[in-house]
């Protein structure tokens, strides 16, 4: 999932890192998911940028994330 990896897929830059790491290693069709975290959810252009960059969708946690305390939970959507 997008928040359990290192780096987490929360920006176009980190998505591009994942795509580059996968080049010449994947021989089937795959897709990547983006993550919404407090640092990007309140900036409308950040999720839009992830979607334009090609993520399949966006994951958001309203409770403690699976990745522990790495990201605070989102208590209110914009």
C-alpha atoms as a PDB file:
ATOM      1  CA  UNK A   1       0.000   0.000   0.000  1.00  0.00           C
ATOM      2  CA  UNK A   2       1.152   3.556  -0.614  1.00  0.00           C
ATOM      3  CA  UNK A   3       1.782   4.484   3.027  1.00  0.00           C
ATOM      4  CA  UNK A   4       3.551   1.286   4.086  1.00  0.00           C
ATOM      5  CA  UNK A   5       6.482   1.635   1.726  1.00  0.00           C
ATOM      6  CA  UNK A   6       9.654   3.631   1.910  1.00  0.00           C
ATOM      7  CA  UNK A   7       9.348   6.152   0.493  1.00  0.00           C
ATOM      8  CA  UNK A   8       5.612   6.490   0.909  1.00  0.00           C
ATOM      9  CA  UNK A   9       3.758   7.417  -2.265  1.00  0.00           C
ATOM     10  CA  UNK A  10       2.479  10.828  -1.214  1.00  0.00           C
ATOM     11  CA  UNK A  11       3.856  12.999  -4.043  1.00  0.00           C
ATOM     12  CA  UNK A  12       4.651  12.892  -7.735  1.00  0.00           C
ATOM     13  CA  UNK A  13       8.345  12.642  -6.844  1.00  0.00           C
ATOM     14  CA  UNK A  14       7.945   9.530  -4.693  1.00  0.00           C
ATOM     15  CA  UNK A  15       5.683   7.929  -7.328  1.00  0.00           C
ATOM     16  CA  UNK A  16       8.383   8.522  -9.927  1.00  0.00           C
ATOM     17  CA  UNK A  17      10.947   6.875  -7.626  1.00  0.00           C
ATOM     18  CA  UNK A  18       8.752   3.769  -7.389  1.00  0.00           C
ATOM     19  CA  UNK A  19       8.209   3.630 -11.127  1.00  0.00           C
ATOM     20  CA  UNK A  20      11.952   3.971 -11.760  1.00  0.00           C
ATOM     21  CA  UNK A  21      12.719   1.231  -9.205  1.00  0.00           C
ATOM     22  CA  UNK A  22      10.243  -1.077 -10.949  1.00  0.00           C
ATOM     23  CA  UNK A  23      11.656  -0.558 -14.448  1.00  0.00           C
ATOM     24  CA  UNK A  24      13.035  -3.755 -15.980  1.00  0.00           C
ATOM     25  CA  UNK A  25      11.813  -5.756 -12.955  1.00  0.00           C
ATOM     26  CA  UNK A  26       8.087  -6.113 -13.620  1.00  0.00           C
ATOM     27  CA  UNK A  27       6.804  -8.182 -16.510  1.00  0.00           C
ATOM     28  CA  UNK A  28       3.067  -7.728 -15.996  1.00  0.00           C
ATOM     29  CA  UNK A  29       0.756  -4.733 -15.900  1.00  0.00           C
ATOM     30  CA  UNK A  30       0.793  -3.061 -12.492  1.00  0.00           C
ATOM     31  CA  UNK A  31      -0.448   0.158 -10.985  1.00  0.00           C
ATOM     32  CA  UNK A  32       0.461   2.281  -8.014  1.00  0.00           C
ATOM     33  CA  UNK A  33      -1.759   3.891  -5.388  1.00  0.00           C
ATOM     34  CA  UNK A  34      -1.157   7.273  -3.803  1.00  0.00           C
ATOM     35  CA  UNK A  35      -1.625   8.141  -0.159  1.00  0.00           C
ATOM     36  CA  UNK A  36      -3.347  11.094   1.457  1.00  0.00           C
ATOM     37  CA  UNK A  37      -1.678  12.297   4.627  1.00  0.00           C
ATOM     38  CA  UNK A  38      -2.054  15.526   6.620  1.00  0.00           C
ATOM     39  CA  UNK A  39       0.902  16.995   4.748  1.00  0.00           C
ATOM     40  CA  UNK A  40      -0.814  16.741   1.343  1.00  0.00           C
ATOM     41  CA  UNK A  41      -4.574  16.389   1.849  1.00  0.00           C
ATOM     42  CA  UNK A  42      -5.162  20.063   2.628  1.00  0.00           C
ATOM     43  CA  UNK A  43      -3.278  21.159  -0.496  1.00  0.00           C
ATOM     44  CA  UNK A  44      -5.719  20.510  -3.359  1.00  0.00           C
ATOM     45  CA  UNK A  45      -2.994  20.460  -5.980  1.00  0.00           C
ATOM     46  CA  UNK A  46      -1.063  17.613  -4.284  1.00  0.00           C
ATOM     47  CA  UNK A  47      -3.733  14.874  -4.686  1.00  0.00           C
ATOM     48  CA  UNK A  48      -4.550  16.179  -8.170  1.00  0.00           C
ATOM     49  CA  UNK A  49      -0.863  15.988  -9.078  1.00  0.00           C
ATOM     50  CA  UNK A  50      -0.697  12.362  -7.918  1.00  0.00           C
ATOM     51  CA  UNK A  51      -3.746  11.485 -10.009  1.00  0.00           C
ATOM     52  CA  UNK A  52      -2.353  13.269 -13.062  1.00  0.00           C
ATOM     53  CA  UNK A  53       0.937  11.408 -12.551  1.00  0.00           C
ATOM     54  CA  UNK A  54      -0.923   8.119 -12.943  1.00  0.00           C
ATOM     55  CA  UNK A  55      -1.851   6.655  -9.557  1.00  0.00           C
ATOM     56  CA  UNK A  56      -4.865   4.348  -9.662  1.00  0.00           C
ATOM     57  CA  UNK A  57      -6.490   5.997  -6.682  1.00  0.00           C
ATOM     58  CA  UNK A  58      -5.817   7.539  -3.297  1.00  0.00           C
ATOM     59  CA  UNK A  59      -5.804   5.857   0.111  1.00  0.00           C
ATOM     60  CA  UNK A  60      -6.673   7.769   3.271  1.00  0.00           C
ATOM     61  CA  UNK A  61      -6.647   6.629   6.898  1.00  0.00           C
ATOM     62  CA  UNK A  62      -9.131   8.143   9.312  1.00  0.00           C
ATOM     63  CA  UNK A  63      -7.651   6.141  12.156  1.00  0.00           C
ATOM     64  CA  UNK A  64      -4.113   5.175  13.084  1.00  0.00           C
ATOM     65  CA  UNK A  65      -2.342   4.126   9.916  1.00  0.00           C
ATOM     66  CA  UNK A  66      -0.998   0.645   9.294  1.00  0.00           C
ATOM     67  CA  UNK A  67       2.444   2.188   9.210  1.00  0.00           C
ATOM     68  CA  UNK A  68       2.241   3.031  12.905  1.00  0.00           C
ATOM     69  CA  UNK A  69       2.866   6.594  13.967  1.00  0.00           C
ATOM     70  CA  UNK A  70       4.588   7.598  10.757  1.00  0.00           C
ATOM     71  CA  UNK A  71       1.594   9.715   9.715  1.00  0.00           C
ATOM     72  CA  UNK A  72      -1.003  11.386  11.874  1.00  0.00           C
ATOM     73  CA  UNK A  73      -4.594  10.479  11.148  1.00  0.00           C
ATOM     74  CA  UNK A  74      -6.744  12.844   9.147  1.00  0.00           C
ATOM     75  CA  UNK A  75      -9.582  14.009  11.351  1.00  0.00           C
ATOM     76  CA  UNK A  76     -11.307  16.286   8.861  1.00  0.00           C
ATOM     77  CA  UNK A  77     -11.297  16.414   5.097  1.00  0.00           C
ATOM     78  CA  UNK A  78     -11.134  19.814   3.415  1.00  0.00           C
END
